[in-house]
Protein backbone atom coordinates (compact mmCIF):
# COMPACT_ATOMS: atom_id res chain seq x y z
CA MET A 1 0.00 0.00 0.00
CA ASP A 2 2.88 2.36 0.74
CA ALA A 3 4.26 1.82 -2.77
CA PHE A 4 0.80 2.61 -4.18
CA ASN A 5 0.58 5.86 -2.19
CA GLN A 6 4.07 6.84 -3.28
CA LEU A 7 3.13 6.10 -6.90
CA MET A 8 0.07 8.36 -6.63
CA ASN A 9 2.35 11.12 -5.33
CA GLY A 10 4.64 10.38 -8.30
CA PHE A 11 1.74 10.90 -10.72
CA ALA A 12 1.04 14.28 -9.12
CA ILE A 13 4.64 15.22 -9.90
CA ALA A 14 4.81 13.68 -13.38
CA LEU A 15 1.49 15.21 -14.52
CA THR A 16 2.65 18.81 -14.04
CA PRO A 17 2.77 20.64 -17.40
CA VAL A 18 6.56 21.02 -17.36
CA ASN A 19 7.23 17.35 -16.64
CA LEU A 20 4.63 16.24 -19.19
CA MET A 21 6.46 18.38 -21.76
CA TRP A 22 9.80 16.72 -20.91
CA CYS A 23 8.17 13.28 -21.10
CA LEU A 24 6.76 14.06 -24.55
CA VAL A 25 10.12 15.40 -25.75
CA GLY A 26 11.90 12.31 -24.44
CA THR A 27 9.52 9.76 -25.94
CA THR A 28 9.46 11.53 -29.32
CA LEU A 29 13.23 11.97 -29.44
CA GLY A 30 13.78 8.41 -28.24
CA THR A 31 11.53 6.98 -30.94
CA ALA A 32 13.29 9.03 -33.60
CA ILE A 33 16.71 7.89 -32.39
CA GLY A 34 15.57 4.28 -32.16
CA VAL A 35 14.45 4.43 -35.79
CA LEU A 36 17.82 5.65 -37.07
CA PRO A 37 20.16 2.68 -37.70
CA GLY A 38 23.28 2.51 -35.57
CA LEU A 39 22.10 5.02 -32.98
CA GLY A 40 20.53 4.18 -29.64
CA PRO A 41 19.51 5.49 -26.23
CA ALA A 42 23.03 5.31 -24.77
CA LEU A 43 24.40 7.65 -27.45
CA THR A 44 21.44 10.05 -27.17
CA ILE A 45 21.48 10.30 -23.38
CA ALA A 46 25.26 10.74 -23.45
CA LEU A 47 24.80 13.57 -25.94
CA LEU A 48 22.25 15.27 -23.66
CA LEU A 49 24.14 14.80 -20.38
CA PRO A 50 25.34 18.44 -20.35
CA ILE A 51 21.73 19.58 -19.76
CA THR A 52 22.04 18.17 -16.23
CA PHE A 53 23.85 21.39 -15.34
CA LYS A 54 20.80 23.50 -16.25
CA VAL A 55 17.64 21.38 -15.76
CA ASP A 56 15.83 20.24 -12.60
CA PRO A 57 16.84 16.62 -11.81
CA THR A 58 13.29 15.23 -11.91
CA ALA A 59 12.69 16.76 -15.35
CA ALA A 60 16.06 15.53 -16.63
CA PHE A 61 15.43 11.93 -15.59
CA ILE A 62 11.91 11.97 -16.99
CA LEU A 63 13.50 13.08 -20.27
CA PHE A 64 16.17 10.33 -20.12
CA ALA A 65 13.64 7.63 -19.22
CA GLY A 66 11.43 8.74 -22.12
CA ILE A 67 14.40 8.47 -24.47
CA TYR A 68 15.22 5.00 -23.12
CA TYR A 69 11.69 3.65 -23.54
CA GLY A 70 11.20 5.47 -26.85
CA ALA A 71 14.37 4.01 -28.38
CA MET A 72 13.19 0.52 -27.47
CA TYR A 73 9.94 1.25 -29.33
CA GLY A 74 11.59 2.91 -32.33
CA GLY A 75 14.15 0.18 -32.93
CA SER A 76 11.41 -2.17 -34.15
CA THR A 77 10.54 0.13 -37.06
CA THR A 78 14.04 -0.07 -38.55
CA SER A 79 14.24 -3.80 -37.92
CA ILE A 80 10.93 -4.48 -39.67
CA LEU A 81 11.16 -2.09 -42.63
CA LEU A 82 14.92 -1.97 -43.22
CA ASN A 83 16.20 -5.23 -41.68
CA THR A 84 18.79 -3.09 -39.88
CA PRO A 85 18.28 -3.08 -36.10
CA GLY A 86 18.70 0.36 -34.56
CA GLU A 87 19.47 -1.32 -31.22
CA SER A 88 21.13 -4.66 -30.44
CA ALA A 89 17.98 -5.70 -28.58
CA SER A 90 16.01 -5.37 -31.86
CA ILE A 91 18.12 -7.93 -33.74
CA VAL A 92 15.63 -10.73 -33.08
CA THR A 93 12.70 -8.59 -34.24
CA SER A 94 14.27 -8.22 -37.69
CA MET A 95 14.44 -12.00 -38.14
CA GLU A 96 10.67 -12.34 -38.56
CA GLY A 97 9.52 -8.72 -38.82
CA ASN A 98 11.33 -7.97 -42.08
CA LYS A 99 10.05 -11.18 -43.65
CA MET A 100 6.50 -10.15 -42.70
CA ALA A 101 7.09 -6.73 -44.29
CA ARG A 102 8.41 -8.28 -47.51
CA ASN A 103 5.26 -10.36 -47.71
CA GLY A 104 2.93 -7.39 -47.39
CA ARG A 105 2.32 -7.67 -43.63
CA ALA A 106 4.42 -4.73 -42.42
CA GLY A 107 1.37 -3.10 -40.82
CA ALA A 108 0.62 -6.12 -38.66
CA ALA A 109 4.29 -6.47 -37.66
CA LEU A 110 4.53 -2.80 -36.63
CA ALA A 111 1.20 -2.99 -34.78
CA THR A 112 2.08 -6.09 -32.74
CA ALA A 113 5.49 -4.56 -31.94
CA ALA A 114 3.94 -1.28 -30.72
CA ILE A 115 1.09 -2.84 -28.74
CA GLY A 116 3.39 -5.54 -27.31
CA SER A 117 5.85 -2.85 -26.26
CA PHE A 118 3.04 -0.98 -24.51
CA VAL A 119 1.76 -4.09 -22.70
CA ALA A 120 5.24 -5.24 -21.63
CA GLY A 121 6.41 -1.74 -20.72
CA THR A 122 3.35 -1.19 -18.53
CA LEU A 123 3.66 -4.58 -16.80
CA GLY A 124 7.42 -4.10 -16.39
CA THR A 125 6.90 -0.68 -14.83
CA LEU A 126 4.35 -2.21 -12.43
CA GLY A 127 7.03 -4.74 -11.52
CA LEU A 128 9.50 -1.91 -10.91
CA THR A 129 6.93 -0.12 -8.72
CA PHE A 130 6.36 -3.01 -6.34
CA LEU A 131 9.74 -4.79 -6.56
CA ALA A 132 11.96 -1.78 -5.89
CA PRO A 133 10.87 -1.34 -2.21
CA VAL A 134 11.43 -5.08 -1.62
CA VAL A 135 14.95 -4.90 -3.06
CA VAL A 136 15.64 -1.85 -0.89
CA GLU A 137 14.69 -3.74 2.29
CA TRP A 138 17.04 -6.55 1.25
CA ALA A 139 19.84 -4.15 0.30
CA LEU A 140 19.76 -2.38 3.66
CA LYS A 141 21.22 -5.57 5.17
CA PHE A 142 24.37 -5.18 3.06
CA GLY A 143 27.67 -4.24 4.70
CA PRO A 144 30.77 -2.87 2.93
CA ALA A 145 32.10 -6.40 2.25
CA ASP A 146 28.77 -7.42 0.69
CA TYR A 147 28.68 -4.33 -1.50
CA PHE A 148 32.23 -4.93 -2.68
CA SER A 149 31.34 -8.53 -3.62
CA LEU A 150 28.19 -7.33 -5.41
CA MET A 151 30.27 -4.92 -7.49
CA ILE A 152 32.67 -7.76 -8.36
CA LEU A 153 29.65 -9.71 -9.60
CA ALA A 154 28.53 -6.72 -11.68
CA PHE A 155 32.06 -6.31 -13.12
CA VAL A 156 32.20 -9.99 -14.11
CA THR A 157 28.75 -10.24 -15.64
CA VAL A 158 28.84 -6.99 -17.59
CA SER A 159 32.39 -7.33 -18.92
CA ALA A 160 33.28 -11.02 -19.10
CA VAL A 161 29.95 -12.81 -19.60
CA LEU A 162 27.73 -10.67 -21.80
CA GLY A 163 30.33 -9.66 -24.39
CA SER A 164 31.72 -11.72 -27.26
CA SER A 165 35.16 -11.93 -25.60
CA ALA A 166 35.87 -12.10 -21.86
CA VAL A 167 39.41 -10.78 -22.37
CA ARG A 168 38.25 -7.74 -24.34
CA GLY A 169 35.47 -7.07 -21.84
CA LEU A 170 37.84 -7.20 -18.86
CA MET A 171 40.38 -4.96 -20.62
CA ALA A 172 37.64 -2.38 -21.23
CA LEU A 173 36.58 -2.69 -17.58
CA PHE A 174 40.09 -2.11 -16.24
CA PHE A 175 40.49 0.89 -18.56
CA GLY A 176 37.31 2.35 -17.04
CA ILE A 177 38.46 1.65 -13.46
CA TRP A 178 41.78 3.38 -14.24
CA LEU A 179 39.91 6.44 -15.56
CA GLY A 180 37.80 6.49 -12.40
CA LEU A 181 40.87 6.46 -10.13
CA ILE A 182 42.54 9.48 -11.78
CA GLY A 183 42.73 12.47 -9.43
CA ILE A 184 43.11 13.03 -5.69
CA ASP A 185 42.77 9.96 -3.45
CA LEU A 186 40.16 11.10 -0.92
CA GLN A 187 41.62 8.95 1.86
CA THR A 188 45.32 9.81 1.57
CA GLY A 189 45.15 13.13 -0.27
CA GLN A 190 47.74 11.92 -2.79
CA ALA A 191 47.46 12.56 -6.53
CA ARG A 192 47.03 9.42 -8.66
CA PHE A 193 47.65 8.98 -12.41
CA THR A 194 47.63 12.74 -13.05
CA PHE A 195 51.03 12.80 -14.87
CA GLY A 196 51.75 16.14 -13.19
CA LEU A 197 48.77 17.87 -14.84
CA THR A 198 46.85 20.08 -12.43
CA GLU A 199 43.78 19.82 -14.68
CA LEU A 200 43.49 16.13 -13.76
CA LEU A 201 43.59 16.62 -9.97
CA ASP A 202 39.78 16.73 -9.86
CA GLY A 203 39.59 13.63 -12.01
CA ILE A 204 38.01 13.18 -15.44
CA ASN A 205 34.36 14.15 -15.71
CA VAL A 206 32.34 11.01 -16.41
CA ILE A 207 30.15 13.04 -18.79
CA VAL A 208 33.18 13.76 -20.99
CA VAL A 209 34.00 10.06 -21.09
CA ALA A 210 30.40 9.03 -21.81
CA VAL A 211 29.97 11.56 -24.62
CA GLY A 212 33.41 10.70 -26.04
CA LEU A 213 32.79 6.95 -26.11
CA PHE A 214 29.14 6.82 -27.12
CA ALA A 215 28.70 9.96 -29.22
CA VAL A 216 32.10 10.78 -30.74
CA GLY A 217 33.52 7.24 -30.88
CA GLU A 218 30.32 5.66 -32.17
CA THR A 219 29.83 8.41 -34.73
CA LEU A 220 33.39 8.10 -36.04
CA TYR A 221 32.92 4.35 -36.30
CA MET A 222 29.60 4.61 -38.16
CA ALA A 223 31.00 7.30 -40.49
CA SER A 224 34.06 5.16 -41.25
CA ARG A 225 31.95 2.31 -42.57
CA ALA A 226 31.82 3.19 -46.25
CA HIS A 227 28.32 2.49 -47.49
CA THR A 228 28.18 1.36 -51.09
CA GLY A 229 24.59 1.91 -52.04
CA GLN A 230 21.34 2.68 -50.25
CA ASP A 231 19.56 0.29 -47.92
CA GLU A 232 16.26 -0.82 -49.36
CA ILE A 233 13.29 0.31 -47.29
CA THR A 234 10.42 -2.14 -47.57
CA PRO A 235 7.24 -0.25 -48.56
CA LEU A 236 4.60 -0.02 -45.85
CA LYS A 237 1.69 -2.10 -47.12
CA GLY A 238 -1.54 -3.23 -45.56
CA SER A 239 -3.58 -1.93 -42.66
CA LEU A 240 -2.05 -1.08 -39.31
CA MET A 241 -5.02 -2.80 -37.69
CA MET A 242 -4.43 -6.37 -36.55
CA THR A 243 -6.93 -9.08 -37.42
CA LYS A 244 -8.71 -11.15 -34.77
CA THR A 245 -6.37 -14.09 -35.49
CA GLU A 246 -3.27 -11.89 -35.18
CA TRP A 247 -4.51 -10.56 -31.84
CA LYS A 248 -5.06 -14.12 -30.62
CA ARG A 249 -1.59 -15.18 -31.76
CA SER A 250 0.08 -12.14 -30.14
CA ILE A 251 -1.41 -12.06 -26.63
CA GLY A 252 0.45 -15.14 -25.37
CA PRO A 253 3.86 -14.02 -26.73
CA TRP A 254 3.37 -10.55 -25.20
CA LEU A 255 2.83 -12.02 -21.74
CA ARG A 256 5.57 -14.65 -22.05
CA GLY A 257 8.00 -12.05 -23.39
CA THR A 258 7.29 -9.86 -20.36
CA LEU A 259 7.98 -12.80 -18.04
CA PHE A 260 11.35 -13.28 -19.77
CA GLY A 261 12.31 -9.62 -20.05
CA PHE A 262 11.60 -8.10 -16.64
CA PRO A 263 13.29 -10.65 -14.32
CA ILE A 264 16.37 -11.03 -16.54
CA GLY A 265 16.65 -7.26 -16.97
CA ALA A 266 16.53 -6.85 -13.19
CA MET A 267 19.46 -9.24 -12.63
CA PRO A 268 23.05 -7.95 -12.26
CA ALA A 269 23.77 -9.85 -15.49
CA GLY A 270 20.66 -8.40 -17.10
CA GLY A 271 20.14 -6.68 -20.39
CA ALA A 272 17.73 -7.03 -23.28
CA GLU A 273 19.58 -9.35 -25.66
CA ILE A 274 19.26 -12.57 -23.63
CA PRO A 275 15.48 -12.37 -22.97
CA THR A 276 14.70 -11.45 -26.58
CA PHE A 277 16.50 -14.53 -27.87
CA LEU A 278 14.90 -16.72 -25.20
CA SER A 279 11.47 -15.36 -26.12
CA TYR A 280 12.05 -15.98 -29.83
CA TYR A 281 13.10 -19.60 -29.40
CA THR A 282 10.25 -20.22 -26.93
CA GLU A 283 7.68 -18.93 -29.42
CA LYS A 284 9.28 -20.99 -32.16
CA LYS A 285 8.77 -24.11 -30.01
CA LEU A 286 5.21 -23.28 -28.93
CA THR A 287 3.78 -21.97 -32.21
CA LYS A 288 1.05 -23.73 -34.16
CA TYR A 289 2.47 -22.24 -37.36
CA PRO A 290 6.12 -23.43 -37.45
CA GLU A 291 6.19 -23.21 -41.25
CA GLU A 292 5.98 -19.37 -41.06
CA PHE A 293 9.20 -18.98 -39.06
CA GLY A 294 12.07 -18.04 -41.36
CA THR A 295 9.85 -18.02 -44.47
CA VAL A 296 6.92 -15.58 -44.64
CA GLY A 297 7.48 -14.32 -41.09
CA ALA A 298 5.65 -15.38 -37.93
CA ILE A 299 3.90 -12.70 -35.89
CA GLU A 300 4.82 -14.52 -32.67
CA GLY A 301 8.50 -13.97 -33.55
CA VAL A 302 7.88 -10.21 -33.45
CA ALA A 303 5.41 -9.99 -30.55
CA GLY A 304 7.42 -12.01 -28.01
CA PRO A 305 10.90 -10.48 -28.49
CA GLU A 306 9.52 -6.93 -28.61
CA ALA A 307 7.68 -7.52 -25.34
CA ALA A 308 10.84 -8.99 -23.77
CA ASN A 309 12.86 -6.02 -25.05
CA ASN A 310 10.62 -3.40 -23.42
CA ALA A 311 10.02 -5.32 -20.20
CA SER A 312 13.78 -5.63 -19.72
CA ALA A 313 14.09 -1.83 -19.98
CA ALA A 314 11.97 -1.55 -16.83
CA GLY A 315 13.90 -4.39 -15.20
CA VAL A 316 17.27 -2.70 -15.78
CA LEU A 317 16.10 0.27 -13.68
CA VAL A 318 15.60 -1.93 -10.59
CA PRO A 319 19.30 -2.57 -9.74
CA MET A 320 20.26 0.92 -10.90
CA LEU A 321 17.84 2.74 -8.58
CA THR A 322 17.94 0.38 -5.57
CA LEU A 323 21.55 -0.84 -5.57
CA GLY A 324 23.34 1.76 -7.70
CA LEU A 325 24.39 -1.01 -10.11
CA PRO A 326 24.18 -0.28 -13.85
CA THR A 327 23.78 -3.43 -15.96
CA SER A 328 23.70 -1.82 -19.41
CA ALA A 329 25.33 1.07 -21.24
CA THR A 330 22.21 3.21 -20.97
CA SER A 331 21.76 2.66 -17.23
CA ALA A 332 25.47 3.40 -16.70
CA ILE A 333 25.11 6.75 -18.41
CA MET A 334 21.93 7.50 -16.43
CA LEU A 335 23.89 6.68 -13.26
CA SER A 336 26.55 9.20 -14.28
CA ALA A 337 23.74 11.76 -14.62
CA PHE A 338 22.71 11.04 -11.02
CA GLN A 339 26.29 11.72 -9.97
CA SER A 340 26.24 15.02 -11.86
CA TYR A 341 23.48 16.11 -9.48
CA GLY A 342 25.40 14.81 -6.47
CA ILE A 343 22.87 11.98 -6.01
CA ASN A 344 24.08 8.44 -5.28
CA PRO A 345 21.54 5.75 -6.22
CA GLY A 346 21.23 2.99 -3.64
CA PRO A 347 18.94 1.68 -0.90
CA LEU A 348 18.37 5.15 0.57
CA LEU A 349 17.43 6.77 -2.75
CA LEU A 350 13.72 5.88 -2.47
CA THR A 351 13.48 7.84 0.79
CA SER A 352 16.09 10.61 0.33
CA GLN A 353 14.88 11.43 -3.21
CA ALA A 354 11.32 10.07 -3.07
CA ASN A 355 9.81 12.76 -5.32
CA LEU A 356 12.44 12.19 -7.99
CA VAL A 357 12.17 8.38 -7.98
CA TRP A 358 8.40 8.09 -7.86
CA GLY A 359 7.94 10.94 -10.32
CA LEU A 360 10.29 9.07 -12.66
CA ILE A 361 8.40 5.77 -12.23
CA ALA A 362 5.03 7.48 -12.80
CA SER A 363 6.39 9.14 -15.93
CA LEU A 364 7.18 5.68 -17.34
CA PHE A 365 3.47 4.82 -17.27
CA ILE A 366 2.62 8.12 -18.95
CA GLY A 367 5.42 7.70 -21.49
CA ASN A 368 4.14 4.26 -22.44
CA VAL A 369 0.75 5.73 -23.33
CA MET A 370 2.42 8.55 -25.28
CA LEU A 371 4.54 6.04 -27.21
CA LEU A 372 1.51 3.97 -28.21
CA VAL A 373 -0.20 7.12 -29.48
CA LEU A 374 2.95 8.37 -31.24
CA ASN A 375 4.16 5.20 -32.90
CA LEU A 376 1.36 3.93 -35.12
CA PRO A 377 -0.22 7.21 -36.38
CA LEU A 378 3.20 8.76 -37.10
CA ILE A 379 4.75 5.71 -38.74
CA GLY A 380 5.00 7.59 -42.05
CA LEU A 381 7.16 10.26 -40.39
CA TRP A 382 9.47 7.65 -38.83
CA VAL A 383 9.91 5.98 -42.23
CA LYS A 384 10.90 9.33 -43.78
CA MET A 385 13.56 9.77 -41.09
CA LEU A 386 15.31 6.70 -42.48
CA ARG A 387 16.17 8.83 -45.54
CA ILE A 388 18.28 11.37 -43.60
CA PRO A 389 21.73 11.44 -45.29
CA ALA A 390 24.34 9.82 -43.03
CA PRO A 391 27.03 12.57 -43.43
CA GLN A 392 24.67 15.30 -42.19
CA LEU A 393 23.48 13.09 -39.34
CA TYR A 394 26.99 12.27 -38.08
CA ALA A 395 28.19 15.85 -38.50
CA GLY A 396 25.26 17.09 -36.43
CA ILE A 397 26.03 14.62 -33.64
CA LEU A 398 29.67 15.74 -33.48
CA VAL A 399 28.66 19.41 -33.37
CA PHE A 400 26.19 18.83 -30.51
CA ALA A 401 28.74 16.71 -28.62
CA THR A 402 31.37 19.43 -28.92
CA ILE A 403 29.09 22.32 -27.94
CA GLY A 404 27.53 20.39 -25.05
CA THR A 405 30.87 19.31 -23.59
CA TYR A 406 32.43 22.76 -23.89
CA GLY A 407 29.37 24.26 -22.23
CA ILE A 408 29.98 22.28 -19.02
CA THR A 409 33.19 23.98 -17.90
CA GLN A 410 34.32 26.06 -20.94
CA SER A 411 37.62 24.17 -20.70
CA PRO A 412 39.70 23.41 -23.81
CA ILE A 413 41.21 20.49 -21.84
CA ASP A 414 37.75 18.87 -21.69
CA LEU A 415 37.44 19.17 -25.48
CA LEU A 416 40.86 17.59 -25.91
CA MET A 417 39.84 14.75 -23.57
CA LEU A 418 36.54 14.38 -25.43
CA TYR A 419 38.22 13.69 -28.76
CA LEU A 420 41.04 11.62 -27.27
CA ILE A 421 38.49 9.35 -25.61
CA GLY A 422 36.38 9.49 -28.77
CA GLY A 423 39.39 8.17 -30.69
CA VAL A 424 39.78 5.38 -28.14
CA GLY A 425 36.07 4.66 -28.51
CA TYR A 426 36.44 4.39 -32.28
CA PHE A 427 39.24 1.83 -32.01
CA MET A 428 37.27 -0.10 -29.39
CA ARG A 429 34.31 -0.38 -31.77
CA ARG A 430 36.63 -1.13 -34.67
CA TYR A 431 38.26 -4.07 -32.87
CA ASP A 432 35.13 -5.29 -31.07
CA PHE A 433 35.90 -4.07 -27.54
CA PRO A 434 32.67 -3.38 -25.59
CA THR A 435 32.32 0.23 -24.46
CA ALA A 436 29.74 -0.23 -21.67
CA PRO A 437 32.29 -1.78 -19.22
CA VAL A 438 34.39 1.41 -19.47
CA ILE A 439 31.60 3.58 -18.05
CA ILE A 440 30.57 0.94 -15.51
CA GLY A 441 34.19 0.54 -14.36
CA MET A 442 34.65 4.31 -14.13
CA ILE A 443 31.53 4.72 -11.96
CA LEU A 444 31.75 1.60 -9.81
CA GLY A 445 35.56 1.37 -9.54
CA PRO A 446 35.95 4.17 -6.96
CA LEU A 447 32.87 2.89 -5.08
CA ALA A 448 34.33 -0.64 -4.99
CA GLU A 449 37.61 0.78 -3.69
CA GLN A 450 35.77 2.73 -1.01
CA ASN A 451 33.77 -0.32 0.15
CA PHE A 452 36.91 -2.47 0.12
CA ARG A 453 38.73 0.00 2.37
CA GLN A 454 35.75 0.23 4.73
CA ALA A 455 35.55 -3.57 4.96
CA MET A 456 39.27 -3.75 5.71
CA THR A 457 38.96 -1.08 8.41
CA ILE A 458 36.02 -2.82 10.10
CA SER A 459 37.75 -6.22 10.00
CA ALA A 460 41.13 -4.81 11.13
CA GLY A 461 42.76 -5.84 7.86
CA ASP A 462 41.36 -9.39 7.79
CA TYR A 463 40.81 -10.36 4.12
CA THR A 464 38.70 -13.36 5.12
CA VAL A 465 35.80 -10.98 5.89
CA PHE A 466 34.73 -11.41 2.26
CA PHE A 467 34.42 -15.18 2.74
CA THR A 468 33.12 -15.41 6.31
CA ARG A 469 30.05 -13.25 5.67
CA PRO A 470 27.45 -15.60 4.11
CA LEU A 471 25.99 -12.96 1.78
CA SER A 472 29.39 -11.85 0.49
CA LEU A 473 30.53 -15.45 0.00
CA THR A 474 27.35 -16.34 -1.92
CA ILE A 475 27.80 -13.37 -4.26
CA LEU A 476 31.47 -14.19 -4.88
CA ILE A 477 30.55 -17.82 -5.69
CA LEU A 478 27.99 -16.53 -8.21
CA ALA A 479 30.67 -14.30 -9.75
CA ALA A 480 33.08 -17.25 -10.02
CA LEU A 481 30.36 -19.40 -11.62
CA ALA A 482 29.49 -16.62 -14.05
CA LEU A 483 33.15 -16.31 -15.04
CA THR A 484 33.99 -20.02 -15.34
CA GLY A 485 30.58 -21.56 -16.01
CA PRO A 486 30.41 -20.90 -19.79
CA LYS A 487 33.96 -22.26 -20.28
CA LEU A 488 33.24 -25.41 -18.24
CA TYR A 489 29.95 -25.95 -20.07
CA ALA A 490 31.65 -25.60 -23.47
CA LEU A 491 34.39 -28.03 -22.36
CA ALA A 492 31.84 -30.56 -21.13
CA THR A 493 29.87 -30.25 -24.37
CA ARG A 494 32.98 -30.88 -26.50
CA ARG A 495 33.87 -33.96 -24.45
CA ALA A 496 30.34 -35.27 -24.67
């Protein structure tokens, strides 16, 4: 009941004219970004991080959440009509959605994607509403040793498990931790990794790193991929209204996709890619129309993964708000925005910043309704956006990144750092190094160090404190299983 009362208070905050305006801007911008191939919510939020120095925190996070949800919606349009996923989580949607579009059923594919996203997003946000206070009660039992172990688990899952290469993921993570440790050590007062430069004594602004990696680096990478010819956009044919049979075939996948997406998104090893694939293969097993998969396109193969995709977006916010643990690139950048306001997400956030958190959660419900209204009637506009010339698009992103970063401190050093890190980001994308672990390492690295030192102080330097506390030991065992489990499973499979 307390969560319900808090949610009602959140609606009172989110329904103010100013916050409604920011929600509409976020959902519209997010949808537009999701439609454009190669761009995504992480890049967009990184690009807009400098506004945190001018805008009220509640309004800023309503904007960012609208972008996040909107990009999840918009990515389906590109996947279905262009067979080019705008987001990695939309890869599965393109497998059946584009085949439906090529067979004159683009309208039905877009409709089931939009309605499924609405259903799953709403149910996922309900899950966030009532699960977050439960997680907070559990998290309040954590000590410094437990928090340190939890961050080790997050480091392992985000860098070594979810990427294509554990070595590359861990290298990116350690690079991020090193960036986070640059500056004055708060405990000893000694300068670390500053190379004698006074400009680095305060450390590197995480916003500069986020914009450099996700805006400059990603843009340079996309611009460097010479495109020989124009992608073929499948014409939008047929009605956007679903038939009675298509409704019947979609309802089950929507619900099952939500059950995959929200719990997996809420895990420290969460994300949207795993639940979308699980949903797709589940629907492929359960369908009464197996002959449509991979041929003319099965509507279940669009409905389920899109629901899983959007439910996971709500799930990812659970560990970020309640534990301060980002499990995706987008949540890591949103966490850096919290830090820009001097706010540290964690168990106390729901009480210390109740208006912000519950206003944000309420805005997710409102944004879901806005997205349903925006997506289907304006589908013609989103299709036209696919024709924006790439050179103008990338040039615009670089201009906004430069102006926004310079506007933070008016420091030429920050601009130099922006493009140096952007160059690093380009080579990371070029050689398949994941960029999300860099931001996660930069944010969580100093916090892990702080909790490690506190645990050592409390235990009088006894390292066994991490193994004698049951909760800490359990988390470390999970981290070890996450790191070694896939290798052992692959070895066992080869021997079998």
